[in-house]
Amino acid sequence: MNKVSITAIRQTVYPDLMSRYENPIEHTCDVIEGQQWIAVDGQCPAGLCPSAWDSMKSFVQALAAGQGNFYDGWMKNPMSAMISCNDGFRPFSFYLEVIDD
């Protein structure tokens, strides 16, 4: 199986939606832009947010198994994907790509 690099690219924050719909939360996301993990054998790497993993798991597992070219040419690199976590108030975008190691 391929190793898959998971890189936190960017977080978007929607304060208007947070003030309108979200209950106050003291602690939210621990992910930092540029942070990177390596998925081995299609498994969730230690320290990756479980909610983010739920959003990207099927793509990581497909890439690990040698599949790619999602949605017929969506990505410039066919062995990659850009996936966002499912936090509707402060989603993080993650770049997934097969790596040679």
N, C-alpha and C. Protein backbone atom coordinates (compact mmCIF):
# COMPACT_ATOMS: atom_id res chain seq x y z
N MET A 1 0.84 -1.19 0.00
CA MET A 1 0.00 0.00 0.00
C MET A 1 0.88 1.25 0.00
N ASN A 2 0.35 2.32 -0.59
CA ASN A 2 1.04 3.60 -0.62
C ASN A 2 0.90 4.32 0.72
N LYS A 3 1.91 5.13 1.04
CA LYS A 3 1.79 6.06 2.15
C LYS A 3 1.12 7.32 1.62
N VAL A 4 0.32 7.94 2.45
CA VAL A 4 -0.39 9.15 2.03
C VAL A 4 -0.05 10.28 3.00
N SER A 5 0.44 11.36 2.44
CA SER A 5 0.74 12.56 3.21
C SER A 5 -0.55 13.37 3.36
N ILE A 6 -0.79 13.85 4.56
CA ILE A 6 -1.96 14.68 4.86
C ILE A 6 -1.42 16.01 5.39
N THR A 7 -1.66 17.09 4.67
CA THR A 7 -1.14 18.41 5.07
C THR A 7 -2.29 19.37 5.30
N ALA A 8 -2.29 20.02 6.46
CA ALA A 8 -3.28 21.05 6.78
C ALA A 8 -2.90 22.31 5.99
N ILE A 9 -3.75 22.70 5.07
CA ILE A 9 -3.44 23.81 4.17
C ILE A 9 -3.98 25.14 4.67
N ARG A 10 -5.28 25.19 4.97
CA ARG A 10 -5.88 26.46 5.34
C ARG A 10 -7.16 26.24 6.13
N GLN A 11 -7.37 27.13 7.09
CA GLN A 11 -8.62 27.13 7.84
C GLN A 11 -9.42 28.37 7.47
N THR A 12 -10.68 28.17 7.27
CA THR A 12 -11.61 29.27 7.03
C THR A 12 -12.52 29.39 8.24
N VAL A 13 -12.79 30.60 8.67
CA VAL A 13 -13.63 30.82 9.85
C VAL A 13 -14.80 31.71 9.46
N TYR A 14 -15.99 31.32 9.89
CA TYR A 14 -17.22 32.05 9.59
C TYR A 14 -17.81 32.61 10.88
N PRO A 15 -17.31 33.78 11.36
CA PRO A 15 -17.79 34.33 12.62
C PRO A 15 -19.29 34.66 12.60
N ASP A 16 -19.82 35.04 11.45
CA ASP A 16 -21.25 35.35 11.38
C ASP A 16 -22.10 34.12 11.64
N LEU A 17 -21.69 32.98 11.11
CA LEU A 17 -22.42 31.74 11.36
C LEU A 17 -22.23 31.28 12.80
N MET A 18 -21.03 31.47 13.33
CA MET A 18 -20.76 31.08 14.71
C MET A 18 -21.64 31.87 15.67
N SER A 19 -21.72 33.19 15.46
CA SER A 19 -22.53 34.01 16.38
C SER A 19 -24.02 33.72 16.24
N ARG A 20 -24.42 33.32 15.06
CA ARG A 20 -25.85 33.07 14.83
C ARG A 20 -26.30 31.69 15.30
N TYR A 21 -25.44 30.68 15.14
CA TYR A 21 -25.89 29.30 15.36
C TYR A 21 -25.14 28.50 16.43
N GLU A 22 -23.92 28.87 16.73
CA GLU A 22 -23.09 28.02 17.59
C GLU A 22 -23.17 28.45 19.05
N ASN A 23 -23.27 27.47 19.93
CA ASN A 23 -23.12 27.74 21.36
C ASN A 23 -21.65 28.07 21.62
N PRO A 24 -21.37 28.92 22.59
CA PRO A 24 -19.97 29.25 22.89
C PRO A 24 -19.17 27.99 23.23
N ILE A 25 -17.97 27.91 22.67
CA ILE A 25 -17.07 26.78 22.88
C ILE A 25 -15.72 27.34 23.29
N GLU A 26 -15.17 26.82 24.40
CA GLU A 26 -13.87 27.30 24.86
C GLU A 26 -12.72 26.77 24.00
N HIS A 27 -12.80 25.52 23.60
CA HIS A 27 -11.71 24.90 22.85
C HIS A 27 -12.27 24.26 21.59
N THR A 28 -11.69 24.61 20.45
CA THR A 28 -12.18 24.02 19.20
C THR A 28 -11.08 23.18 18.55
N CYS A 29 -10.44 23.68 17.55
CA CYS A 29 -9.53 22.90 16.71
C CYS A 29 -8.07 23.07 17.13
N ASP A 30 -7.33 21.96 17.16
CA ASP A 30 -5.90 21.99 17.49
C ASP A 30 -5.00 21.96 16.26
N VAL A 31 -5.59 21.87 15.06
CA VAL A 31 -4.81 21.77 13.83
C VAL A 31 -4.16 23.13 13.53
N ILE A 32 -2.94 23.07 13.00
CA ILE A 32 -2.18 24.26 12.65
C ILE A 32 -1.85 24.20 11.16
N GLU A 33 -1.99 25.32 10.46
CA GLU A 33 -1.63 25.35 9.04
C GLU A 33 -0.20 24.85 8.86
N GLY A 34 -0.02 23.98 7.88
CA GLY A 34 1.29 23.40 7.60
C GLY A 34 1.56 22.10 8.34
N GLN A 35 0.74 21.79 9.32
CA GLN A 35 0.92 20.54 10.07
C GLN A 35 0.75 19.37 9.11
N GLN A 36 1.53 18.31 9.33
CA GLN A 36 1.50 17.17 8.41
C GLN A 36 1.50 15.85 9.16
N TRP A 37 0.80 14.89 8.59
CA TRP A 37 0.73 13.53 9.10
C TRP A 37 0.98 12.59 7.93
N ILE A 38 1.38 11.37 8.25
CA ILE A 38 1.55 10.33 7.22
C ILE A 38 0.64 9.16 7.58
N ALA A 39 -0.24 8.82 6.65
CA ALA A 39 -1.12 7.66 6.83
C ALA A 39 -0.42 6.44 6.23
N VAL A 40 -0.27 5.41 7.04
CA VAL A 40 0.37 4.16 6.62
C VAL A 40 -0.71 3.09 6.56
N ASP A 41 -0.74 2.36 5.46
CA ASP A 41 -1.72 1.29 5.25
C ASP A 41 -3.16 1.79 5.34
N GLY A 42 -3.38 3.05 4.98
CA GLY A 42 -4.74 3.60 4.97
C GLY A 42 -5.33 3.83 6.34
N GLN A 43 -4.48 3.84 7.37
CA GLN A 43 -4.96 4.02 8.74
C GLN A 43 -4.82 5.47 9.19
N CYS A 44 -5.64 5.86 10.13
CA CYS A 44 -5.60 7.21 10.68
C CYS A 44 -4.28 7.42 11.43
N PRO A 45 -3.54 8.47 11.07
CA PRO A 45 -2.30 8.74 11.80
C PRO A 45 -2.58 9.27 13.21
N ALA A 46 -1.69 8.96 14.12
CA ALA A 46 -1.82 9.45 15.50
C ALA A 46 -1.83 10.98 15.50
N GLY A 47 -2.72 11.54 16.30
CA GLY A 47 -2.77 12.99 16.47
C GLY A 47 -3.66 13.73 15.50
N LEU A 48 -4.20 13.03 14.49
CA LEU A 48 -5.10 13.69 13.54
C LEU A 48 -6.49 13.75 14.14
N CYS A 49 -7.15 14.88 13.99
CA CYS A 49 -8.50 15.08 14.51
C CYS A 49 -9.44 13.97 13.99
N PRO A 50 -10.14 13.28 14.88
CA PRO A 50 -11.05 12.21 14.45
C PRO A 50 -12.14 12.69 13.50
N SER A 51 -12.64 13.89 13.70
CA SER A 51 -13.67 14.42 12.81
C SER A 51 -13.11 14.69 11.41
N ALA A 52 -11.90 15.23 11.36
CA ALA A 52 -11.25 15.45 10.06
C ALA A 52 -11.02 14.11 9.36
N TRP A 53 -10.57 13.10 10.12
CA TRP A 53 -10.34 11.77 9.56
C TRP A 53 -11.63 11.22 8.95
N ASP A 54 -12.75 11.39 9.63
CA ASP A 54 -14.02 10.91 9.09
C ASP A 54 -14.31 11.53 7.73
N SER A 55 -13.92 12.78 7.53
CA SER A 55 -14.17 13.46 6.26
C SER A 55 -13.27 12.97 5.14
N MET A 56 -12.06 12.54 5.47
CA MET A 56 -11.08 12.21 4.43
C MET A 56 -10.77 10.72 4.30
N LYS A 57 -11.25 9.92 5.23
CA LYS A 57 -10.87 8.50 5.31
C LYS A 57 -11.01 7.76 3.98
N SER A 58 -12.12 7.90 3.31
CA SER A 58 -12.32 7.12 2.07
C SER A 58 -11.33 7.54 0.98
N PHE A 59 -10.95 8.81 0.94
CA PHE A 59 -9.97 9.28 -0.05
C PHE A 59 -8.58 8.77 0.30
N VAL A 60 -8.20 8.83 1.58
CA VAL A 60 -6.89 8.33 2.00
C VAL A 60 -6.80 6.84 1.70
N GLN A 61 -7.81 6.09 2.02
CA GLN A 61 -7.78 4.64 1.79
C GLN A 61 -7.72 4.32 0.30
N ALA A 62 -8.44 5.09 -0.52
CA ALA A 62 -8.37 4.86 -1.97
C ALA A 62 -6.97 5.17 -2.50
N LEU A 63 -6.40 6.29 -2.08
CA LEU A 63 -5.05 6.64 -2.52
C LEU A 63 -4.04 5.60 -2.04
N ALA A 64 -4.18 5.13 -0.82
CA ALA A 64 -3.27 4.11 -0.28
C ALA A 64 -3.35 2.82 -1.10
N ALA A 65 -4.53 2.53 -1.63
CA ALA A 65 -4.73 1.31 -2.43
C ALA A 65 -4.34 1.50 -3.90
N GLY A 66 -3.83 2.70 -4.25
CA GLY A 66 -3.39 2.93 -5.62
C GLY A 66 -4.46 3.52 -6.52
N GLN A 67 -5.60 3.84 -5.96
CA GLN A 67 -6.65 4.47 -6.75
C GLN A 67 -6.46 5.98 -6.70
N GLY A 68 -7.01 6.66 -7.65
CA GLY A 68 -6.89 8.12 -7.71
C GLY A 68 -7.75 8.65 -8.83
N ASN A 69 -7.33 9.77 -9.38
CA ASN A 69 -8.07 10.44 -10.46
C ASN A 69 -9.54 10.58 -10.10
N PHE A 70 -9.79 11.09 -8.89
CA PHE A 70 -11.16 11.27 -8.42
C PHE A 70 -11.91 12.25 -9.32
N TYR A 71 -13.14 11.95 -9.58
CA TYR A 71 -14.03 12.83 -10.36
C TYR A 71 -13.44 13.18 -11.72
N ASP A 72 -12.78 12.21 -12.35
CA ASP A 72 -12.28 12.33 -13.73
C ASP A 72 -11.44 13.58 -13.98
N GLY A 73 -10.39 13.73 -13.23
CA GLY A 73 -9.45 14.80 -13.49
C GLY A 73 -9.60 16.04 -12.64
N TRP A 74 -10.21 15.90 -11.51
CA TRP A 74 -10.44 17.01 -10.58
C TRP A 74 -9.13 17.67 -10.16
N MET A 75 -8.12 16.89 -9.83
CA MET A 75 -6.86 17.41 -9.30
C MET A 75 -5.76 17.38 -10.37
N LYS A 76 -4.86 18.36 -10.33
CA LYS A 76 -3.71 18.36 -11.25
C LYS A 76 -2.88 17.11 -11.06
N ASN A 77 -2.65 16.73 -9.80
CA ASN A 77 -1.96 15.48 -9.48
C ASN A 77 -3.06 14.44 -9.27
N PRO A 78 -3.19 13.47 -10.17
CA PRO A 78 -4.28 12.50 -10.04
C PRO A 78 -4.20 11.62 -8.79
N MET A 79 -3.04 11.59 -8.15
CA MET A 79 -2.90 10.80 -6.92
C MET A 79 -2.95 11.70 -5.70
N SER A 80 -3.92 12.63 -5.73
CA SER A 80 -4.09 13.57 -4.62
C SER A 80 -5.56 13.96 -4.51
N ALA A 81 -5.87 14.68 -3.43
CA ALA A 81 -7.23 15.21 -3.22
C ALA A 81 -7.14 16.37 -2.23
N MET A 82 -8.04 17.32 -2.34
CA MET A 82 -8.17 18.41 -1.37
C MET A 82 -9.49 18.20 -0.66
N ILE A 83 -9.44 17.94 0.64
CA ILE A 83 -10.62 17.59 1.42
C ILE A 83 -10.74 18.53 2.61
N SER A 84 -11.95 18.95 2.92
CA SER A 84 -12.18 19.79 4.09
C SER A 84 -12.84 18.97 5.19
N CYS A 85 -12.52 19.33 6.43
CA CYS A 85 -13.19 18.68 7.55
C CYS A 85 -14.64 19.15 7.59
N ASN A 86 -15.43 18.52 8.42
CA ASN A 86 -16.86 18.79 8.41
C ASN A 86 -17.31 19.84 9.42
N ASP A 87 -16.39 20.65 9.95
CA ASP A 87 -16.76 21.74 10.84
C ASP A 87 -17.32 22.88 9.99
N GLY A 88 -18.59 23.12 10.06
CA GLY A 88 -19.23 24.14 9.24
C GLY A 88 -18.92 25.56 9.67
N PHE A 89 -18.34 25.75 10.85
CA PHE A 89 -18.01 27.08 11.34
C PHE A 89 -16.55 27.45 11.11
N ARG A 90 -15.65 26.49 11.13
CA ARG A 90 -14.22 26.75 10.99
C ARG A 90 -13.53 25.58 10.26
N PRO A 91 -13.95 25.25 9.04
CA PRO A 91 -13.39 24.09 8.35
C PRO A 91 -11.92 24.28 7.98
N PHE A 92 -11.19 23.18 8.06
CA PHE A 92 -9.80 23.14 7.62
C PHE A 92 -9.75 22.37 6.31
N SER A 93 -8.95 22.86 5.37
CA SER A 93 -8.72 22.13 4.11
C SER A 93 -7.42 21.37 4.23
N PHE A 94 -7.46 20.11 3.81
CA PHE A 94 -6.31 19.21 3.88
C PHE A 94 -5.95 18.73 2.48
N TYR A 95 -4.65 18.78 2.16
CA TYR A 95 -4.17 18.24 0.89
C TYR A 95 -3.65 16.84 1.14
N LEU A 96 -4.20 15.88 0.43
CA LEU A 96 -3.80 14.47 0.53
C LEU A 96 -3.03 14.11 -0.72
N GLU A 97 -1.89 13.42 -0.57
CA GLU A 97 -1.17 12.96 -1.75
C GLU A 97 -0.35 11.73 -1.42
N VAL A 98 -0.26 10.86 -2.41
CA VAL A 98 0.58 9.67 -2.30
C VAL A 98 2.03 10.12 -2.29
N ILE A 99 2.81 9.51 -1.40
CA ILE A 99 4.23 9.86 -1.33
C ILE A 99 5.08 8.61 -1.50
N ASP A 100 6.28 8.82 -2.01
CA ASP A 100 7.27 7.75 -2.10
C ASP A 100 8.13 7.87 -0.86
N ASP A 101 8.28 6.79 -0.16
CA ASP A 101 9.08 6.84 1.06
C ASP A 101 9.95 5.63 1.18
